[in-house]
Amino acid sequence: KPAERFLHLGIFELTGHHRAMPDPLPSGKGRGWGMRKPAGRLGFSAAHFQRIFTAWVGISPKRYQQYLSLDLAREMLARQYRVSLVTARPAPVDGVEQHVLRPVRRSAQWLLRAGEARRAIAALAPDIVHAHYTTSYGYLGACAGRHPLVMTAWGSDLLVTPHTSPWMCWLTGWTLRRADLLTGDSQSLVDAALRYQP
């Protein structure tokens, strides 16, 4: 029996620490991977938030998310799935085919990567598309039009980013309504997703 195909979008994104974690979109040199706004909501600077997180968990927020993602990729590979990755931020993973999108340096650039991601997903012809982080890779997965589409929210993608403007709120709802299955790492994320009536 041929190995099933599994496409995992954005496996290496810094997307969440179970409650309120940073927006993964790059925000310029020295700005801590876009942690400034979520850290500020907690009353910390981005640098202080990273120090607290690292002291509490033992690794940086970015490394934490990479470990979670690597564990999922390894689990799927161990089950004989072919794991492919469409990402704007590549990192080496043994046994994982990567399709690298042009880098994303500003939030609005996710909108410009839709065609590129759609072509990469079509070339892979996956049985499942699993997009992590609703307001970036989730959007790209929704634009690809491939089903079944599983979407996983990690925190600020539903609890912070949609509230930055009416446009982001609308786009988040549009994206969620295209998913066949929604998952999140806490009940508060599931409740936030349900408010969009997916």
N, C-alpha and C. Protein backbone atom coordinates (compact mmCIF):
# COMPACT_ATOMS: atom_id res chain seq x y z
N LYS A 1 0.85 -1.17 0.00
CA LYS A 1 0.00 0.00 0.00
C LYS A 1 0.90 1.24 0.00
N PRO A 2 0.69 2.19 -0.92
CA PRO A 2 1.53 3.37 -0.92
C PRO A 2 1.29 4.23 0.31
N ALA A 3 2.35 4.91 0.74
CA ALA A 3 2.22 5.79 1.91
C ALA A 3 1.21 6.89 1.62
N GLU A 4 0.40 7.20 2.60
CA GLU A 4 -0.54 8.30 2.45
C GLU A 4 0.23 9.62 2.48
N ARG A 5 -0.40 10.63 1.94
CA ARG A 5 0.26 11.93 1.91
C ARG A 5 -0.34 12.83 2.97
N PHE A 6 0.50 13.62 3.58
CA PHE A 6 0.04 14.52 4.64
C PHE A 6 0.77 15.84 4.46
N LEU A 7 0.04 16.89 4.28
CA LEU A 7 0.65 18.20 4.10
C LEU A 7 0.47 19.00 5.36
N HIS A 8 1.54 19.53 5.85
CA HIS A 8 1.50 20.29 7.09
C HIS A 8 2.03 21.68 6.81
N LEU A 9 1.17 22.67 6.85
CA LEU A 9 1.57 24.05 6.56
C LEU A 9 2.07 24.74 7.81
N GLY A 10 3.18 25.42 7.69
CA GLY A 10 3.63 26.27 8.77
C GLY A 10 4.07 25.54 10.02
N ILE A 11 4.67 24.39 9.83
CA ILE A 11 5.02 23.57 10.97
C ILE A 11 6.01 24.26 11.90
N PHE A 12 6.79 25.19 11.40
CA PHE A 12 7.81 25.80 12.23
C PHE A 12 7.45 27.20 12.71
N GLU A 13 6.22 27.59 12.52
CA GLU A 13 5.86 28.93 12.95
C GLU A 13 5.85 29.04 14.47
N LEU A 14 6.27 30.19 14.95
CA LEU A 14 6.15 30.51 16.36
C LEU A 14 4.71 30.92 16.57
N THR A 15 3.89 29.99 17.04
CA THR A 15 2.47 30.27 17.00
C THR A 15 1.76 30.24 18.33
N GLY A 16 2.29 29.68 19.33
CA GLY A 16 1.48 29.72 20.52
C GLY A 16 2.08 29.02 21.71
N HIS A 17 1.86 29.57 22.85
CA HIS A 17 2.16 28.88 24.08
C HIS A 17 0.88 28.75 24.87
N HIS A 18 -0.02 28.00 24.35
CA HIS A 18 -1.25 27.59 25.00
C HIS A 18 -2.19 28.69 25.45
N ARG A 19 -1.82 29.91 25.55
CA ARG A 19 -2.77 30.94 25.94
C ARG A 19 -2.56 32.19 25.10
N ALA A 20 -1.64 33.03 25.49
CA ALA A 20 -1.40 34.27 24.76
C ALA A 20 0.05 34.30 24.35
N MET A 21 0.30 34.01 23.12
CA MET A 21 1.67 33.94 22.63
C MET A 21 1.80 34.91 21.47
N PRO A 22 2.99 35.14 21.00
CA PRO A 22 3.22 36.16 20.00
C PRO A 22 2.67 35.85 18.63
N ASP A 23 2.41 36.91 17.92
CA ASP A 23 2.10 36.83 16.51
C ASP A 23 3.37 36.38 15.80
N PRO A 24 3.32 35.37 14.93
CA PRO A 24 4.56 34.85 14.36
C PRO A 24 5.10 35.69 13.22
N LEU A 25 4.40 36.71 12.83
CA LEU A 25 4.86 37.47 11.69
C LEU A 25 6.09 38.29 12.06
N PRO A 26 7.13 38.27 11.24
CA PRO A 26 8.33 39.01 11.57
C PRO A 26 8.03 40.49 11.67
N SER A 27 8.65 41.14 12.61
CA SER A 27 8.35 42.54 12.82
C SER A 27 9.59 43.42 12.78
N GLY A 28 10.63 42.95 12.17
CA GLY A 28 11.82 43.76 12.03
C GLY A 28 12.91 43.33 12.98
N LYS A 29 14.13 43.79 12.71
CA LYS A 29 15.28 43.41 13.52
C LYS A 29 15.10 43.83 14.96
N GLY A 30 15.48 42.92 15.84
CA GLY A 30 15.50 43.23 17.24
C GLY A 30 14.14 43.39 17.90
N ARG A 31 13.08 42.97 17.24
CA ARG A 31 11.76 43.15 17.84
C ARG A 31 11.17 41.85 18.34
N GLY A 32 11.98 40.82 18.48
CA GLY A 32 11.53 39.61 19.15
C GLY A 32 10.42 38.85 18.46
N TRP A 33 10.49 38.62 17.15
CA TRP A 33 9.55 37.81 16.37
C TRP A 33 8.13 38.29 16.50
N GLY A 34 7.90 39.55 16.72
CA GLY A 34 6.54 40.05 16.82
C GLY A 34 5.92 39.83 18.19
N MET A 35 6.74 39.69 19.21
CA MET A 35 6.22 39.46 20.56
C MET A 35 5.82 40.74 21.26
N ARG A 36 6.14 41.88 20.70
CA ARG A 36 5.94 43.14 21.41
C ARG A 36 4.49 43.34 21.83
N LYS A 37 3.54 43.18 20.90
CA LYS A 37 2.14 43.47 21.24
C LYS A 37 1.58 42.47 22.26
N PRO A 38 1.68 41.15 22.04
CA PRO A 38 1.16 40.23 23.05
C PRO A 38 1.88 40.36 24.39
N ALA A 39 3.19 40.57 24.37
CA ALA A 39 3.93 40.75 25.62
C ALA A 39 3.43 41.99 26.34
N GLY A 40 3.18 43.05 25.57
CA GLY A 40 2.66 44.29 26.15
C GLY A 40 1.31 44.09 26.81
N ARG A 41 0.47 43.25 26.21
CA ARG A 41 -0.84 42.97 26.79
C ARG A 41 -0.70 42.28 28.14
N LEU A 42 0.42 41.59 28.33
CA LEU A 42 0.69 40.93 29.61
C LEU A 42 1.48 41.84 30.55
N GLY A 43 1.83 43.03 30.07
CA GLY A 43 2.57 43.98 30.89
C GLY A 43 4.07 43.81 30.84
N PHE A 44 4.60 43.14 29.81
CA PHE A 44 6.03 42.90 29.69
C PHE A 44 6.56 43.47 28.38
N SER A 45 7.85 43.72 28.33
CA SER A 45 8.50 43.99 27.04
C SER A 45 8.68 42.65 26.34
N ALA A 46 8.92 42.68 25.03
CA ALA A 46 9.14 41.43 24.29
C ALA A 46 10.35 40.68 24.84
N ALA A 47 11.42 41.42 25.13
CA ALA A 47 12.64 40.79 25.65
C ALA A 47 12.38 40.15 27.02
N HIS A 48 11.64 40.86 27.87
CA HIS A 48 11.35 40.32 29.21
C HIS A 48 10.44 39.08 29.10
N PHE A 49 9.46 39.16 28.22
CA PHE A 49 8.58 38.01 28.01
C PHE A 49 9.39 36.79 27.58
N GLN A 50 10.32 36.99 26.66
CA GLN A 50 11.14 35.87 26.19
C GLN A 50 11.98 35.32 27.34
N ARG A 51 12.54 36.19 28.18
CA ARG A 51 13.34 35.73 29.32
C ARG A 51 12.49 34.93 30.30
N ILE A 52 11.28 35.43 30.60
CA ILE A 52 10.40 34.72 31.53
C ILE A 52 10.01 33.36 30.96
N PHE A 53 9.62 33.35 29.69
CA PHE A 53 9.22 32.09 29.05
C PHE A 53 10.38 31.10 29.09
N THR A 54 11.56 31.55 28.72
CA THR A 54 12.74 30.68 28.67
C THR A 54 13.08 30.15 30.05
N ALA A 55 12.98 31.00 31.08
CA ALA A 55 13.26 30.56 32.45
C ALA A 55 12.22 29.54 32.91
N TRP A 56 10.96 29.73 32.55
CA TRP A 56 9.89 28.86 32.98
C TRP A 56 9.93 27.51 32.26
N VAL A 57 10.10 27.56 30.93
CA VAL A 57 10.02 26.35 30.11
C VAL A 57 11.39 25.69 29.93
N GLY A 58 12.44 26.50 29.95
CA GLY A 58 13.79 25.95 29.76
C GLY A 58 14.33 26.13 28.37
N ILE A 59 13.49 26.59 27.45
CA ILE A 59 13.90 26.87 26.07
C ILE A 59 13.16 28.12 25.59
N SER A 60 13.62 28.71 24.51
CA SER A 60 12.98 29.92 23.99
C SER A 60 11.60 29.60 23.42
N PRO A 61 10.73 30.62 23.28
CA PRO A 61 9.41 30.38 22.68
C PRO A 61 9.51 29.78 21.28
N LYS A 62 10.44 30.26 20.49
CA LYS A 62 10.59 29.74 19.12
C LYS A 62 11.00 28.27 19.15
N ARG A 63 11.98 27.93 19.98
CA ARG A 63 12.44 26.54 20.09
C ARG A 63 11.31 25.64 20.60
N TYR A 64 10.52 26.14 21.55
CA TYR A 64 9.38 25.38 22.07
C TYR A 64 8.44 24.97 20.94
N GLN A 65 8.06 25.94 20.10
CA GLN A 65 7.15 25.64 19.00
C GLN A 65 7.79 24.69 18.00
N GLN A 66 9.08 24.84 17.77
CA GLN A 66 9.75 23.93 16.84
C GLN A 66 9.71 22.51 17.37
N TYR A 67 9.91 22.33 18.68
CA TYR A 67 9.85 20.99 19.26
C TYR A 67 8.46 20.39 19.10
N LEU A 68 7.42 21.18 19.37
CA LEU A 68 6.05 20.67 19.20
C LEU A 68 5.83 20.23 17.76
N SER A 69 6.26 21.05 16.83
CA SER A 69 6.07 20.76 15.42
C SER A 69 6.90 19.56 14.98
N LEU A 70 8.12 19.48 15.45
CA LEU A 70 8.97 18.34 15.11
C LEU A 70 8.37 17.04 15.64
N ASP A 71 7.82 17.07 16.84
CA ASP A 71 7.18 15.88 17.41
C ASP A 71 6.03 15.42 16.53
N LEU A 72 5.20 16.36 16.06
CA LEU A 72 4.08 16.00 15.20
C LEU A 72 4.59 15.41 13.88
N ALA A 73 5.59 16.05 13.28
CA ALA A 73 6.14 15.54 12.01
C ALA A 73 6.73 14.15 12.20
N ARG A 74 7.47 13.95 13.29
CA ARG A 74 8.07 12.63 13.55
C ARG A 74 7.00 11.56 13.77
N GLU A 75 5.94 11.94 14.49
CA GLU A 75 4.85 10.99 14.73
C GLU A 75 4.19 10.57 13.42
N MET A 76 3.94 11.54 12.54
CA MET A 76 3.32 11.22 11.26
C MET A 76 4.25 10.37 10.39
N LEU A 77 5.54 10.68 10.40
CA LEU A 77 6.51 9.87 9.65
C LEU A 77 6.56 8.45 10.21
N ALA A 78 6.52 8.30 11.53
CA ALA A 78 6.56 6.98 12.16
C ALA A 78 5.34 6.15 11.77
N ARG A 79 4.25 6.81 11.47
CA ARG A 79 3.02 6.10 11.05
C ARG A 79 2.99 5.86 9.55
N GLN A 80 4.11 6.07 8.90
CA GLN A 80 4.26 5.82 7.46
C GLN A 80 3.55 6.83 6.57
N TYR A 81 3.28 8.01 7.08
CA TYR A 81 2.73 9.08 6.25
C TYR A 81 3.89 9.79 5.57
N ARG A 82 3.64 10.31 4.41
CA ARG A 82 4.60 11.21 3.78
C ARG A 82 4.25 12.60 4.28
N VAL A 83 5.18 13.27 4.89
CA VAL A 83 4.96 14.60 5.44
C VAL A 83 5.65 15.62 4.55
N SER A 84 4.88 16.58 4.07
CA SER A 84 5.42 17.66 3.26
C SER A 84 5.11 18.98 3.95
N LEU A 85 5.93 19.94 3.69
CA LEU A 85 5.81 21.22 4.36
C LEU A 85 5.83 22.35 3.34
N VAL A 86 4.85 23.23 3.43
CA VAL A 86 4.83 24.46 2.64
C VAL A 86 5.04 25.58 3.65
N THR A 87 6.14 26.30 3.54
CA THR A 87 6.49 27.26 4.58
C THR A 87 7.25 28.46 4.02
N ALA A 88 7.14 29.57 4.71
CA ALA A 88 7.93 30.75 4.39
C ALA A 88 9.17 30.82 5.28
N ARG A 89 9.27 29.89 6.22
CA ARG A 89 10.41 29.88 7.15
C ARG A 89 10.93 28.45 7.29
N PRO A 90 11.74 28.00 6.34
CA PRO A 90 12.19 26.61 6.35
C PRO A 90 13.19 26.32 7.47
N ALA A 91 13.18 25.08 7.90
CA ALA A 91 14.15 24.55 8.86
C ALA A 91 14.31 23.07 8.52
N PRO A 92 15.50 22.52 8.70
CA PRO A 92 15.72 21.13 8.31
C PRO A 92 14.96 20.13 9.18
N VAL A 93 14.30 19.19 8.52
CA VAL A 93 13.62 18.08 9.19
C VAL A 93 13.86 16.85 8.34
N ASP A 94 14.50 15.85 8.89
CA ASP A 94 14.76 14.62 8.14
C ASP A 94 13.47 13.98 7.68
N GLY A 95 13.43 13.62 6.40
CA GLY A 95 12.29 12.92 5.84
C GLY A 95 11.12 13.79 5.43
N VAL A 96 11.25 15.12 5.56
CA VAL A 96 10.16 16.03 5.23
C VAL A 96 10.52 16.84 3.98
N GLU A 97 9.71 16.69 2.95
CA GLU A 97 9.87 17.47 1.73
C GLU A 97 9.35 18.88 1.99
N GLN A 98 10.14 19.89 1.62
CA GLN A 98 9.73 21.27 1.88
C GLN A 98 9.57 22.05 0.58
N HIS A 99 8.49 22.81 0.51
CA HIS A 99 8.25 23.76 -0.57
C HIS A 99 8.32 25.13 0.08
N VAL A 100 9.36 25.88 -0.25
CA VAL A 100 9.63 27.13 0.43
C VAL A 100 9.02 28.30 -0.34
N LEU A 101 8.17 29.05 0.36
CA LEU A 101 7.57 30.25 -0.20
C LEU A 101 8.54 31.42 -0.03
N ARG A 102 8.30 32.47 -0.79
CA ARG A 102 9.09 33.68 -0.58
C ARG A 102 8.91 34.14 0.86
N PRO A 103 9.94 34.72 1.46
CA PRO A 103 9.84 35.14 2.87
C PRO A 103 8.71 36.15 3.08
N VAL A 104 8.17 36.13 4.28
CA VAL A 104 7.13 37.07 4.69
C VAL A 104 7.75 37.99 5.73
N ARG A 105 7.80 39.26 5.41
CA ARG A 105 8.41 40.24 6.33
C ARG A 105 7.37 41.16 6.97
N ARG A 106 6.19 41.25 6.37
CA ARG A 106 5.10 42.07 6.90
C ARG A 106 3.81 41.27 6.80
N SER A 107 2.90 41.53 7.71
CA SER A 107 1.64 40.78 7.77
C SER A 107 0.92 40.74 6.42
N ALA A 108 0.88 41.86 5.74
CA ALA A 108 0.14 41.94 4.47
C ALA A 108 0.72 41.02 3.40
N GLN A 109 1.97 40.62 3.55
CA GLN A 109 2.58 39.75 2.54
C GLN A 109 1.99 38.35 2.52
N TRP A 110 1.30 37.95 3.60
CA TRP A 110 0.61 36.65 3.54
C TRP A 110 -0.42 36.64 2.42
N LEU A 111 -1.06 37.76 2.19
CA LEU A 111 -2.06 37.85 1.12
C LEU A 111 -1.41 37.61 -0.24
N LEU A 112 -0.16 38.00 -0.38
CA LEU A 112 0.55 37.87 -1.65
C LEU A 112 1.15 36.48 -1.87
N ARG A 113 1.09 35.63 -0.87
CA ARG A 113 1.65 34.27 -1.00
C ARG A 113 0.59 33.23 -1.36
N ALA A 114 -0.67 33.64 -1.49
CA ALA A 114 -1.76 32.69 -1.72
C ALA A 114 -1.57 31.89 -3.01
N GLY A 115 -1.24 32.55 -4.11
CA GLY A 115 -1.06 31.84 -5.38
C GLY A 115 0.11 30.87 -5.32
N GLU A 116 1.18 31.31 -4.71
CA GLU A 116 2.37 30.48 -4.57
C GLU A 116 2.07 29.23 -3.74
N ALA A 117 1.36 29.42 -2.63
CA ALA A 117 0.99 28.28 -1.78
C ALA A 117 0.01 27.36 -2.51
N ARG A 118 -0.95 27.94 -3.23
CA ARG A 118 -1.93 27.13 -3.98
C ARG A 118 -1.22 26.22 -4.98
N ARG A 119 -0.24 26.77 -5.70
CA ARG A 119 0.50 25.95 -6.68
C ARG A 119 1.30 24.85 -6.00
N ALA A 120 1.93 25.16 -4.87
CA ALA A 120 2.72 24.16 -4.15
C ALA A 120 1.83 23.03 -3.65
N ILE A 121 0.66 23.39 -3.12
CA ILE A 121 -0.28 22.38 -2.61
C ILE A 121 -0.82 21.53 -3.76
N ALA A 122 -1.13 22.15 -4.87
CA ALA A 122 -1.63 21.39 -6.03
C ALA A 122 -0.57 20.41 -6.52
N ALA A 123 0.69 20.83 -6.52
CA ALA A 123 1.77 19.93 -6.97
C ALA A 123 1.94 18.75 -6.02
N LEU A 124 1.72 18.96 -4.74
CA LEU A 124 1.84 17.88 -3.77
C LEU A 124 0.65 16.92 -3.82
N ALA A 125 -0.52 17.42 -4.17
CA ALA A 125 -1.76 16.63 -4.20
C ALA A 125 -1.94 15.83 -2.91
N PRO A 126 -1.98 16.52 -1.75
CA PRO A 126 -2.08 15.80 -0.48
C PRO A 126 -3.47 15.25 -0.22
N ASP A 127 -3.53 14.22 0.61
CA ASP A 127 -4.81 13.69 1.05
C ASP A 127 -5.42 14.61 2.10
N ILE A 128 -4.58 15.25 2.90
CA ILE A 128 -5.02 16.15 3.96
C ILE A 128 -4.15 17.40 3.94
N VAL A 129 -4.77 18.54 4.09
CA VAL A 129 -4.02 19.79 4.29
C VAL A 129 -4.25 20.19 5.75
N HIS A 130 -3.17 20.35 6.49
CA HIS A 130 -3.26 20.74 7.89
C HIS A 130 -2.52 22.06 8.06
N ALA A 131 -3.28 23.12 8.23
CA ALA A 131 -2.71 24.47 8.31
C ALA A 131 -2.68 24.95 9.75
N HIS A 132 -1.50 25.34 10.20
CA HIS A 132 -1.35 25.86 11.55
C HIS A 132 -1.28 27.38 11.51
N TYR A 133 -1.90 27.99 12.50
CA TYR A 133 -1.96 29.43 12.68
C TYR A 133 -2.94 30.05 11.68
N THR A 134 -4.13 30.32 12.16
CA THR A 134 -5.27 30.72 11.35
C THR A 134 -5.02 31.91 10.44
N THR A 135 -4.37 32.95 10.97
CA THR A 135 -4.27 34.20 10.22
C THR A 135 -3.07 34.28 9.29
N SER A 136 -2.35 33.19 9.12
CA SER A 136 -1.25 33.17 8.14
C SER A 136 -1.37 31.90 7.29
N TYR A 137 -0.87 30.78 7.78
CA TYR A 137 -0.95 29.55 7.01
C TYR A 137 -2.39 29.04 6.88
N GLY A 138 -3.22 29.34 7.85
CA GLY A 138 -4.63 28.99 7.72
C GLY A 138 -5.25 29.70 6.54
N TYR A 139 -4.93 30.98 6.39
CA TYR A 139 -5.41 31.75 5.24
C TYR A 139 -4.91 31.13 3.93
N LEU A 140 -3.63 30.77 3.89
CA LEU A 140 -3.08 30.16 2.66
C LEU A 140 -3.76 28.82 2.36
N GLY A 141 -4.00 28.03 3.41
CA GLY A 141 -4.69 26.76 3.20
C GLY A 141 -6.11 26.96 2.69
N ALA A 142 -6.80 27.97 3.22
CA ALA A 142 -8.16 28.27 2.77
C ALA A 142 -8.16 28.70 1.31
N CYS A 143 -7.19 29.50 0.91
CA CYS A 143 -7.10 29.97 -0.48
C CYS A 143 -6.77 28.84 -1.45
N ALA A 144 -6.10 27.80 -0.95
CA ALA A 144 -5.71 26.69 -1.83
C ALA A 144 -6.91 25.90 -2.32
N GLY A 145 -7.99 25.88 -1.53
CA GLY A 145 -9.20 25.19 -1.96
C GLY A 145 -9.11 23.68 -1.94
N ARG A 146 -8.13 23.13 -1.25
CA ARG A 146 -7.95 21.67 -1.18
C ARG A 146 -8.61 21.15 0.10
N HIS A 147 -9.32 20.03 -0.02
CA HIS A 147 -10.02 19.46 1.13
C HIS A 147 -9.71 17.98 1.24
N PRO A 148 -9.77 17.43 2.44
CA PRO A 148 -10.13 18.07 3.69
C PRO A 148 -9.03 19.03 4.18
N LEU A 149 -9.50 20.12 4.79
CA LEU A 149 -8.62 21.13 5.35
C LEU A 149 -8.81 21.16 6.86
N VAL A 150 -7.74 20.81 7.57
CA VAL A 150 -7.72 20.88 9.03
C VAL A 150 -6.99 22.17 9.39
N MET A 151 -7.54 22.93 10.30
CA MET A 151 -6.92 24.18 10.72
C MET A 151 -6.72 24.16 12.22
N THR A 152 -5.51 24.48 12.66
CA THR A 152 -5.19 24.51 14.09
C THR A 152 -4.85 25.92 14.52
N ALA A 153 -5.55 26.41 15.53
CA ALA A 153 -5.27 27.73 16.13
C ALA A 153 -4.39 27.53 17.34
N TRP A 154 -3.51 28.49 17.58
CA TRP A 154 -2.54 28.36 18.66
C TRP A 154 -2.62 29.45 19.71
N GLY A 155 -3.39 30.46 19.55
CA GLY A 155 -3.44 31.50 20.59
C GLY A 155 -3.76 32.85 20.01
N SER A 156 -2.72 33.63 19.78
CA SER A 156 -2.94 35.01 19.34
C SER A 156 -3.59 35.09 17.97
N ASP A 157 -3.54 34.02 17.19
CA ASP A 157 -4.19 34.04 15.88
C ASP A 157 -5.71 34.16 16.01
N LEU A 158 -6.28 33.76 17.15
CA LEU A 158 -7.72 33.95 17.37
C LEU A 158 -8.01 34.91 18.52
N LEU A 159 -7.09 35.03 19.45
CA LEU A 159 -7.35 35.85 20.63
C LEU A 159 -6.83 37.28 20.53
N VAL A 160 -5.91 37.54 19.59
CA VAL A 160 -5.32 38.88 19.47
C VAL A 160 -5.48 39.45 18.06
N THR A 161 -4.90 38.77 17.08
CA THR A 161 -4.82 39.31 15.71
C THR A 161 -6.17 39.73 15.12
N PRO A 162 -7.24 38.94 15.24
CA PRO A 162 -8.51 39.35 14.64
C PRO A 162 -9.07 40.67 15.19
N HIS A 163 -8.63 41.03 16.38
CA HIS A 163 -9.14 42.24 17.03
C HIS A 163 -8.35 43.49 16.68
N THR A 164 -7.38 43.35 15.78
CA THR A 164 -6.58 44.52 15.40
C THR A 164 -7.31 45.43 14.42
N SER A 165 -8.30 44.87 13.68
CA SER A 165 -9.07 45.70 12.74
C SER A 165 -10.32 44.93 12.30
N PRO A 166 -11.34 45.64 11.84
CA PRO A 166 -12.52 44.94 11.30
C PRO A 166 -12.16 44.04 10.13
N TRP A 167 -11.20 44.46 9.30
CA TRP A 167 -10.76 43.65 8.16
C TRP A 167 -10.18 42.32 8.63
N MET A 168 -9.32 42.33 9.66
CA MET A 168 -8.73 41.09 10.16
C MET A 168 -9.79 40.20 10.80
N CYS A 169 -10.77 40.79 11.44
CA CYS A 169 -11.87 40.02 12.01
C CYS A 169 -12.64 39.31 10.90
N TRP A 170 -12.97 40.03 9.84
CA TRP A 170 -13.69 39.44 8.72
C TRP A 170 -12.86 38.34 8.06
N LEU A 171 -11.57 38.61 7.82
CA LEU A 171 -10.69 37.64 7.15
C LEU A 171 -10.53 36.38 7.99
N THR A 172 -10.44 36.53 9.31
CA THR A 172 -10.33 35.37 10.19
C THR A 172 -11.58 34.49 10.09
N GLY A 173 -12.76 35.12 10.09
CA GLY A 173 -14.00 34.37 9.93
C GLY A 173 -14.08 33.67 8.59
N TRP A 174 -13.69 34.37 7.52
CA TRP A 174 -13.69 33.79 6.18
C TRP A 174 -12.79 32.56 6.14
N THR A 175 -11.62 32.68 6.74
CA THR A 175 -10.64 31.58 6.76
C THR A 175 -11.18 30.39 7.53
N LEU A 176 -11.71 30.63 8.73
CA LEU A 176 -12.22 29.53 9.55
C LEU A 176 -13.38 28.80 8.90
N ARG A 177 -14.22 29.53 8.19
CA ARG A 177 -15.38 28.89 7.56
C ARG A 177 -15.00 27.98 6.40
N ARG A 178 -13.78 28.01 5.94
CA ARG A 178 -13.33 27.14 4.86
C ARG A 178 -12.72 25.84 5.36
N ALA A 179 -12.53 25.73 6.66
CA ALA A 179 -11.94 24.52 7.25
C ALA A 179 -12.99 23.43 7.41
N ASP A 180 -12.56 22.20 7.23
CA ASP A 180 -13.42 21.04 7.47
C ASP A 180 -13.36 20.59 8.92
N LEU A 181 -12.25 20.90 9.57
CA LEU A 181 -12.07 20.55 10.96
C LEU A 181 -11.21 21.63 11.60
N LEU A 182 -11.64 22.11 12.77
CA LEU A 182 -10.89 23.11 13.53
C LEU A 182 -10.38 22.49 14.81
N THR A 183 -9.12 22.76 15.14
CA THR A 183 -8.57 22.31 16.41
C THR A 183 -7.88 23.49 17.08
N GLY A 184 -7.72 23.39 18.38
CA GLY A 184 -7.02 24.40 19.15
C GLY A 184 -6.42 23.74 20.37
N ASP A 185 -5.50 24.44 21.02
CA ASP A 185 -4.83 23.81 22.15
C ASP A 185 -5.44 24.21 23.49
N SER A 186 -6.63 24.83 23.47
CA SER A 186 -7.32 25.15 24.72
C SER A 186 -8.80 25.36 24.42
N GLN A 187 -9.62 25.26 25.46
CA GLN A 187 -11.05 25.48 25.29
C GLN A 187 -11.33 26.92 24.88
N SER A 188 -10.52 27.87 25.38
CA SER A 188 -10.75 29.28 25.02
C SER A 188 -10.56 29.49 23.51
N LEU A 189 -9.66 28.75 22.89
CA LEU A 189 -9.49 28.87 21.44
C LEU A 189 -10.65 28.25 20.68
N VAL A 190 -11.13 27.12 21.15
CA VAL A 190 -12.28 26.49 20.52
C VAL A 190 -13.49 27.43 20.62
N ASP A 191 -13.69 28.03 21.80
CA ASP A 191 -14.80 28.97 21.97
C ASP A 191 -14.64 30.18 21.06
N ALA A 192 -13.40 30.69 20.94
CA ALA A 192 -13.15 31.85 20.06
C ALA A 192 -13.45 31.49 18.61
N ALA A 193 -13.09 30.29 18.19
CA ALA A 193 -13.36 29.86 16.81
C ALA A 193 -14.86 29.75 16.56
N LEU A 194 -15.59 29.23 17.51
CA LEU A 194 -17.04 29.04 17.36
C LEU A 194 -17.78 30.37 17.21
N ARG A 195 -17.21 31.45 17.73
CA ARG A 195 -17.85 32.77 17.58
C ARG A 195 -17.93 33.20 16.11
N TYR A 196 -17.10 32.61 15.27
CA TYR A 196 -17.11 32.95 13.84
C TYR A 196 -18.09 32.07 13.07
N GLN A 197 -18.79 31.18 13.76
CA GLN A 197 -19.77 30.29 13.18
C GLN A 197 -19.25 29.52 11.97
N PRO A 198 -18.14 28.79 12.18
CA PRO A 198 -17.57 28.02 11.06
C PRO A 198 -18.45 26.85 10.67
